[in-house]
Protein backbone atom coordinates (compact mmCIF):
# COMPACT_ATOMS: atom_id res chain seq x y z
CA UNK A 1 26.78 0.81 8.79
CA UNK A 2 23.67 2.38 9.68
CA UNK A 3 22.86 5.56 7.99
CA UNK A 4 20.26 7.67 9.51
CA UNK A 5 20.03 11.46 9.07
CA UNK A 6 19.14 11.69 13.20
CA UNK A 7 20.17 9.84 16.19
CA UNK A 8 19.72 10.50 19.91
CA UNK A 9 19.83 13.19 20.97
CA UNK A 10 18.20 14.38 18.16
CA UNK A 11 14.39 13.94 18.24
CA UNK A 12 13.30 11.40 15.43
CA UNK A 13 11.31 8.48 16.09
CA UNK A 14 13.49 6.50 12.97
CA UNK A 15 16.69 7.89 14.55
CA UNK A 16 15.68 6.33 17.82
CA UNK A 17 15.01 3.14 16.26
CA UNK A 18 18.37 3.36 14.45
CA UNK A 19 20.23 4.10 17.55
CA UNK A 20 18.31 1.04 19.49
CA UNK A 21 19.19 -1.44 16.22
CA UNK A 22 22.80 -0.14 16.29
CA UNK A 23 23.02 -1.24 20.07
CA UNK A 24 20.92 -4.42 19.77
CA UNK A 25 23.42 -5.53 16.92
CA UNK A 26 26.91 -4.29 18.57
CA UNK A 27 25.83 -6.51 21.55
CA UNK A 28 26.26 -9.55 19.50
CA UNK A 29 29.50 -11.46 19.64
CA UNK A 30 31.78 -10.62 16.63
CA UNK A 31 29.60 -8.08 15.03
CA UNK A 32 30.83 -4.62 14.32
CA UNK A 33 28.42 -1.64 13.96
CA UNK A 34 28.92 1.77 12.87
CA UNK A 35 26.43 4.65 12.12
CA UNK A 36 26.65 7.48 9.94
CA UNK A 37 25.00 10.77 10.57
CA UNK A 38 24.63 14.40 10.35
CA UNK A 39 27.70 16.37 11.40
CA UNK A 40 25.57 19.11 13.29
CA UNK A 41 24.69 16.31 15.71
CA UNK A 42 26.53 15.79 18.89
CA UNK A 43 25.57 11.99 19.48
CA UNK A 44 25.17 10.05 22.08
CA UNK A 45 27.22 6.79 22.56
CA UNK A 46 25.30 3.72 21.25
CA UNK A 47 26.62 0.62 23.14
CA UNK A 48 29.65 -0.63 21.09
CA UNK A 49 28.81 1.01 18.05
CA UNK A 50 31.01 3.79 16.30
CA UNK A 51 28.83 6.83 15.48
CA UNK A 52 30.33 8.84 12.67
CA UNK A 53 28.72 12.58 12.41
CA UNK A 54 29.86 13.45 9.10
CA UNK A 55 27.18 14.67 6.28
CA UNK A 56 27.03 18.55 6.62
CA UNK A 57 24.80 19.40 3.84
CA UNK A 58 23.60 18.46 0.22
CA UNK A 59 27.18 18.92 -1.39
CA UNK A 60 29.08 16.57 -3.10
CA UNK A 61 31.93 17.34 -0.40
CA UNK A 62 29.56 15.85 2.13
CA UNK A 63 28.89 12.92 -0.03
CA UNK A 64 32.86 12.33 -0.63
CA UNK A 65 33.33 12.33 3.10
CA UNK A 66 30.69 9.86 3.51
CA UNK A 67 32.18 7.42 1.01
CA UNK A 68 35.38 7.80 2.25
CA UNK A 69 34.47 6.88 5.68
CA UNK A 70 32.66 3.95 4.12
CA UNK A 71 35.58 2.91 2.12
CA UNK A 72 37.86 3.25 5.84
CA UNK A 73 35.48 1.18 7.79
CA UNK A 74 34.83 -1.31 5.07
CA UNK A 75 31.12 -2.58 6.12
CA UNK A 76 29.89 -5.47 4.70
CA UNK A 77 25.99 -4.21 4.70
CA UNK A 78 24.95 -0.49 4.28
CA UNK A 79 21.70 -0.07 5.87
CA UNK A 80 20.01 3.19 5.17
CA UNK A 81 16.88 4.25 7.61
CA UNK A 82 14.22 6.31 5.79
CA UNK A 83 12.94 9.03 6.33
CA UNK A 84 14.47 10.78 8.80
CA UNK A 85 14.18 14.59 10.14
CA UNK A 86 18.05 14.99 9.04
CA UNK A 87 17.84 13.77 5.60
CA UNK A 88 15.86 17.44 5.13
CA UNK A 89 19.29 18.88 4.96
CA UNK A 90 21.18 15.93 2.84
CA UNK A 91 19.60 16.46 -0.35
CA UNK A 92 21.55 14.98 -3.53
CA UNK A 93 24.25 13.42 -0.88
CA UNK A 94 21.33 11.10 0.15
CA UNK A 95 20.24 10.82 -3.43
CA UNK A 96 23.36 9.29 -4.61
CA UNK A 97 24.61 7.72 -1.59
CA UNK A 98 23.02 4.40 -1.84
CA UNK A 99 24.31 3.86 -5.23
CA UNK A 100 27.63 5.08 -4.49
CA UNK A 101 27.94 2.57 -1.94
CA UNK A 102 26.90 -0.08 -4.10
CA UNK A 103 29.39 0.66 -6.57
CA UNK A 104 31.82 0.62 -3.61
CA UNK A 105 30.96 -3.04 -3.36
CA UNK A 106 28.84 -2.54 -0.71
CA UNK A 107 25.43 -4.69 -0.04
CA UNK A 108 22.71 -1.79 0.67
CA UNK A 109 19.58 -2.54 2.58
CA UNK A 110 16.70 -0.02 3.27
CA UNK A 111 14.42 0.19 6.07
CA UNK A 112 11.25 2.27 4.80
CA UNK A 113 9.42 3.63 7.61
CA UNK A 114 6.84 5.60 5.53
CA UNK A 115 5.61 5.05 2.03
CA UNK A 116 8.15 6.04 -0.52
CA UNK A 117 6.76 7.77 -3.55
CA UNK A 118 8.53 7.79 -7.02
CA UNK A 119 10.28 10.77 -7.32
CA UNK A 120 13.57 12.01 -9.06
CA UNK A 121 15.31 11.68 -5.69
CA UNK A 122 13.75 8.48 -4.64
CA UNK A 123 14.30 6.55 -7.79
CA UNK A 124 17.81 5.25 -7.27
CA UNK A 125 16.64 4.14 -3.93
CA UNK A 126 13.85 2.25 -5.65
CA UNK A 127 15.70 0.56 -8.49
CA UNK A 128 19.08 -0.56 -6.52
CA UNK A 129 19.64 -3.96 -5.97
CA UNK A 130 19.34 -5.40 -2.38
CA UNK A 131 17.05 -5.42 0.73
CA UNK A 132 14.03 -3.94 2.14
CA UNK A 133 12.42 -3.77 5.51
CA UNK A 134 9.00 -2.67 6.13
CA UNK A 135 7.50 -1.96 9.36
CA UNK A 136 3.79 -1.37 8.22
CA UNK A 137 1.93 -4.54 7.37
CA UNK A 138 -0.15 -2.91 4.91
CA UNK A 139 2.68 -1.17 3.15
CA UNK A 140 2.11 -2.90 -0.16
CA UNK A 141 -1.60 -1.16 -0.12
CA UNK A 142 -0.37 2.02 0.39
CA UNK A 143 1.99 1.79 -2.92
CA UNK A 144 1.27 1.96 -6.66
CA UNK A 145 1.46 -0.72 -8.97
CA UNK A 146 5.10 -0.02 -9.46
CA UNK A 147 5.67 -1.90 -5.92
CA UNK A 148 5.05 -5.19 -7.65
CA UNK A 149 8.57 -4.90 -9.97
CA UNK A 150 10.48 -4.42 -6.60
CA UNK A 151 10.05 -8.38 -6.01
CA UNK A 152 12.30 -8.71 -9.06
CA UNK A 153 14.99 -6.34 -7.70
CA UNK A 154 14.90 -6.48 -4.02
CA UNK A 155 14.53 -9.05 -1.21
CA UNK A 156 11.51 -7.37 0.64
CA UNK A 157 10.80 -8.24 4.39
CA UNK A 158 8.20 -7.40 6.71
CA UNK A 159 9.99 -6.72 10.48
CA UNK A 160 7.30 -5.59 13.31
CA UNK A 161 8.50 -2.67 15.07
CA UNK A 162 9.27 -2.32 18.70
CA UNK A 163 9.65 0.79 20.87
CA UNK A 164 13.22 2.21 21.45
CA UNK A 165 12.28 3.73 25.08
CA UNK A 166 14.01 1.87 27.94
CA UNK A 167 11.39 1.07 30.73
CA UNK A 168 10.97 3.65 33.60
CA UNK A 169 12.73 2.54 36.76
CA UNK A 170 10.98 4.78 39.03
CA UNK A 171 9.69 3.55 42.59
CA UNK A 172 6.43 3.67 43.73
CA UNK A 173 7.27 6.82 45.84
CA UNK A 174 9.17 8.33 43.16
CA UNK A 175 6.46 7.84 41.07
CA UNK A 176 3.70 9.14 43.52
CA UNK A 177 5.93 12.29 43.99
CA UNK A 178 6.34 13.14 40.04
CA UNK A 179 2.71 12.61 39.72
CA UNK A 180 2.10 15.55 42.73
CA UNK A 181 4.74 17.76 41.03
CA UNK A 182 2.93 17.35 37.66
CA UNK A 183 -0.60 17.56 38.42
CA UNK A 184 -0.98 19.96 41.21
CA UNK A 185 -4.60 20.12 42.33
CA UNK A 186 -6.23 18.16 39.25
CA UNK A 187 -7.03 14.89 39.22
CA UNK A 188 -6.07 13.46 36.04
CA UNK A 189 -2.67 13.62 34.00
CA UNK A 190 -2.82 13.73 30.33
CA UNK A 191 -0.08 13.55 28.24
CA UNK A 192 0.75 14.06 24.40
CA UNK A 193 4.54 13.68 23.04
CA UNK A 194 6.37 13.38 19.92
CA UNK A 195 6.41 16.13 17.16
CA UNK A 196 3.87 19.26 17.00
CA UNK A 197 2.83 18.86 13.43
CA UNK A 198 -0.60 19.70 11.88
CA UNK A 199 -0.84 15.91 10.88
CA UNK A 200 -0.33 14.99 14.47
CA UNK A 201 -3.64 16.31 15.54
CA UNK A 202 -1.95 17.91 18.65
CA UNK A 203 -4.76 20.92 18.33
CA UNK A 204 -7.30 18.24 19.08
CA UNK A 205 -5.72 17.55 22.44
CA UNK A 206 -7.52 20.45 23.82
CA UNK A 207 -10.90 19.53 22.80
CA UNK A 208 -10.48 15.57 24.24
CA UNK A 209 -9.17 16.47 27.70
CA UNK A 210 -11.28 18.04 30.21
CA UNK A 211 -9.60 21.47 31.53
CA UNK A 212 -11.72 21.03 34.41
CA UNK A 213 -10.30 17.91 35.62
CA UNK A 214 -7.08 17.11 33.63
CA UNK A 215 -3.76 18.61 34.14
CA UNK A 216 -2.42 18.63 30.35
CA UNK A 217 1.33 17.89 29.47
CA UNK A 218 2.87 18.43 25.92
CA UNK A 219 6.27 17.20 25.11
CA UNK A 220 7.92 18.19 21.94
CA UNK A 221 10.36 20.36 20.54
CA UNK A 222 9.57 24.00 20.73
CA UNK A 223 9.76 25.96 17.65
CA UNK A 224 8.50 29.57 18.20
CA UNK A 225 8.83 30.67 14.70
CA UNK A 226 6.32 27.59 13.86
CA UNK A 227 2.82 28.85 12.60
CA UNK A 228 1.12 25.70 13.89
CA UNK A 229 3.28 25.78 17.44
CA UNK A 230 2.26 29.25 18.11
CA UNK A 231 -1.34 28.40 17.75
CA UNK A 232 -0.83 25.15 20.16
CA UNK A 233 0.86 27.64 22.71
CA UNK A 234 -2.15 30.08 22.45
CA UNK A 235 -4.56 27.19 23.40
CA UNK A 236 -2.37 25.91 25.80
CA UNK A 237 -2.36 29.67 27.74
CA UNK A 238 -5.82 30.92 26.92
CA UNK A 239 -9.56 30.21 27.77
CA UNK A 240 -10.16 27.21 30.28
CA UNK A 241 -6.71 25.60 29.76
CA UNK A 242 -4.85 28.74 31.14
CA UNK A 243 -3.01 27.44 33.92
CA UNK A 244 -4.22 23.93 33.51
CA UNK A 245 -1.73 22.82 30.34
CA UNK A 246 1.88 22.61 30.47
CA UNK A 247 4.64 22.82 27.40
CA UNK A 248 7.50 20.90 28.61
CA UNK A 249 9.83 20.78 25.57
CA UNK A 250 11.76 17.85 24.09
CA UNK A 251 12.65 15.45 26.69
CA UNK A 252 15.31 12.68 26.78
CA UNK A 253 14.23 9.07 26.34
CA UNK A 254 14.46 8.06 30.06
CA UNK A 255 12.79 11.11 31.20
CA UNK A 256 10.08 10.76 29.03
CA UNK A 257 9.47 6.81 29.90
CA UNK A 258 9.15 8.11 33.61
CA UNK A 259 6.19 10.81 32.07
CA UNK A 260 4.65 7.90 30.36
CA UNK A 261 4.50 5.56 33.30
CA UNK A 262 3.02 8.02 35.36
CA UNK A 263 0.48 9.39 33.10
CA UNK A 264 -3.42 8.38 33.43
CA UNK A 265 -3.87 8.76 29.46
CA UNK A 266 -1.58 9.45 26.55
CA UNK A 267 -3.51 10.91 23.74
CA UNK A 268 -2.18 10.73 20.38
CA UNK A 269 -4.77 11.99 18.02
CA UNK A 270 -2.95 11.49 14.42
CA UNK A 271 -5.12 12.60 11.52
CA UNK A 272 -3.80 9.74 9.39
CA UNK A 273 -4.32 7.02 11.73
CA UNK A 274 -1.68 4.62 13.92
CA UNK A 275 -0.87 0.80 13.75
CA UNK A 276 1.89 -1.49 14.90
CA UNK A 277 4.48 0.42 13.50
CA UNK A 278 4.23 3.28 15.47
CA UNK A 279 7.03 3.53 18.06
CA UNK A 280 5.25 6.21 19.88
CA UNK A 281 2.42 4.01 20.70
CA UNK A 282 4.57 0.82 21.43
CA UNK A 283 6.50 3.19 23.97
CA UNK A 284 3.04 3.74 25.87
CA UNK A 285 1.88 0.18 25.52
CA UNK A 286 5.37 -0.61 27.52
CA UNK A 287 4.86 1.51 30.29
CA UNK A 288 1.22 0.37 30.94
CA UNK A 289 -0.59 3.45 30.79
CA UNK A 290 -3.90 4.15 28.87
CA UNK A 291 -3.28 5.04 25.04
CA UNK A 292 -6.34 6.96 23.18
CA UNK A 293 -5.24 7.11 19.30
CA UNK A 294 -6.62 6.81 16.01
CA UNK A 295 -7.14 3.94 13.23
CA UNK A 296 -8.72 2.78 10.33
CA UNK A 297 -8.60 -0.85 10.92
CA UNK A 298 -9.86 -0.87 14.83
CA UNK A 299 -12.13 1.18 16.96
CA UNK A 300 -13.34 1.08 20.60
CA UNK A 301 -11.50 -0.02 23.43
CA UNK A 302 -8.97 -2.86 22.91
CA UNK A 303 -8.31 -4.47 26.38
CA UNK A 304 -5.07 -6.44 25.81
CA UNK A 305 -3.39 -3.13 24.31
CA UNK A 306 -5.21 -0.90 27.09
CA UNK A 307 -5.76 1.38 23.97
CA UNK A 308 -8.99 3.12 22.72
CA UNK A 309 -9.13 3.66 18.99
CA UNK A 310 -11.32 6.14 16.97
CA UNK A 311 -11.49 6.93 13.58
CA UNK A 312 -9.12 9.83 12.71
CA UNK A 313 -10.49 13.25 13.46
CA UNK A 314 -13.62 11.64 15.67
CA UNK A 315 -12.77 13.97 18.45
CA UNK A 316 -16.08 12.98 20.32
CA UNK A 317 -15.42 9.24 20.32
CA UNK A 318 -11.73 9.88 21.79
CA UNK A 319 -13.35 12.28 24.51
CA UNK A 320 -15.71 9.54 25.15
CA UNK A 321 -12.92 7.00 25.47
CA UNK A 322 -10.87 8.75 27.41
CA UNK A 323 -13.75 9.70 30.19
CA UNK A 324 -14.52 5.94 29.98
CA UNK A 325 -11.13 4.20 30.67
CA UNK A 326 -8.81 6.95 31.73
CA UNK A 327 -6.72 5.56 34.67
CA UNK A 328 -7.02 1.82 33.59
CA UNK A 329 -3.73 0.51 33.61
CA UNK A 330 -1.81 -2.67 32.49
CA UNK A 331 1.12 -4.00 34.60
CA UNK A 332 4.23 -2.33 33.03
CA UNK A 333 5.91 -4.84 30.62
CA UNK A 334 9.32 -6.41 31.56
CA UNK A 335 10.87 -4.72 28.86
CA UNK A 336 10.84 -4.93 25.00
CA UNK A 337 14.17 -7.26 25.15
CA UNK A 338 12.37 -10.16 23.38
CA UNK A 339 10.53 -7.91 21.08
CA UNK A 340 14.38 -6.71 19.87
CA UNK A 341 15.87 -9.69 19.87
CA UNK A 342 13.51 -11.05 17.33
CA UNK A 343 13.55 -7.82 15.29
CA UNK A 344 17.39 -8.15 15.14
CA UNK A 345 17.37 -11.64 14.49
CA UNK A 346 15.11 -10.60 11.30
CA UNK A 347 17.77 -8.04 10.29
CA UNK A 348 20.47 -10.47 10.31
CA UNK A 349 18.69 -12.95 8.56
CA UNK A 350 18.20 -10.18 5.49
CA UNK A 351 21.80 -8.98 5.88
CA UNK A 352 23.12 -12.63 5.18
CA UNK A 353 20.61 -13.14 2.30
CA UNK A 354 21.95 -9.96 0.69
CA UNK A 355 25.52 -11.04 1.46
CA UNK A 356 24.60 -14.61 -0.67
CA UNK A 357 26.36 -15.94 2.40
CA UNK A 358 29.33 -14.99 1.06
CA UNK A 359 30.62 -13.73 4.63
CA UNK A 360 27.69 -15.46 6.72
CA UNK A 361 26.84 -13.01 9.27
CA UNK A 362 25.15 -16.12 11.24
CA UNK A 363 28.84 -17.49 11.84
CA UNK A 364 29.35 -14.39 13.74
CA UNK A 365 26.44 -14.09 16.07
CA UNK A 366 25.51 -15.92 18.93
CA UNK A 367 21.77 -16.12 19.43
């Protein structure tokens, strides 16, 4: 059973990852998968996986209902994806749920998509026996000395991430029509997508792109009450960008994949840097478009990735990289099926390890 505070259609990169993992596991012979998520979501079907929108809030009643579902469904492994957007409403239900599942006799696994800090609500997660999947290769460098003791408590694995987006299936003519619809009289199509938080650097996109040549498309869930988003809307509708920038809101995965495929460049100027764990960057590369982003490890144009890297905050470098490489395109991948096959294999291996081969998963999986 996969536990995720968000799943599609709720916007959340970790939720997209959880949903794709559920589909991949569920496609394997003899494997049954369920997803436990937030009650306010009207979840999409995820292949053969059952989806249970149960957790309403941070009350003990929500925790009780989640544990009842676990007892009814009898999973061998309960796998928590952390963090997700939806967890902000779970509170103590999330704090206590892993330990409560363990007391039920479940094996507990976490995927930590972001560094976990020692806080009252994370201590039960840190100290609980079981497994941990890390998606950042430098995770150990981001944590304190306490991280070393985890090797005595948990089976820790690094597993590379994969994009949860499908490949665009637009024909050549359909791509041309979509570009014409979006670009109008402009020369170039530049895109930002994801979340509109200050740490994502969305405001810097208006300095990196060129309003005299570019049509700028921004795709994120719009919250008119958010102060930072109001500033983004002001930038998009004033000065040289008036009439040249468009806020399109949050789009479903397949529609978003089509936009990535037709863009001349995608700009993701993250203030904390990007890396191989970032599913947004992986989604751009799958579609073959130029990516301009930030990193503390790489710099300049990396041809095999069709990606230009600059230090976080270096708007001048990103502007130069965009100007020099915009329109460069790799042939779209054949899909990321092989990446996800290997990723799913790695999950199955960890599940087997934490089960102690009592009920080995490998006998129920056809690879």
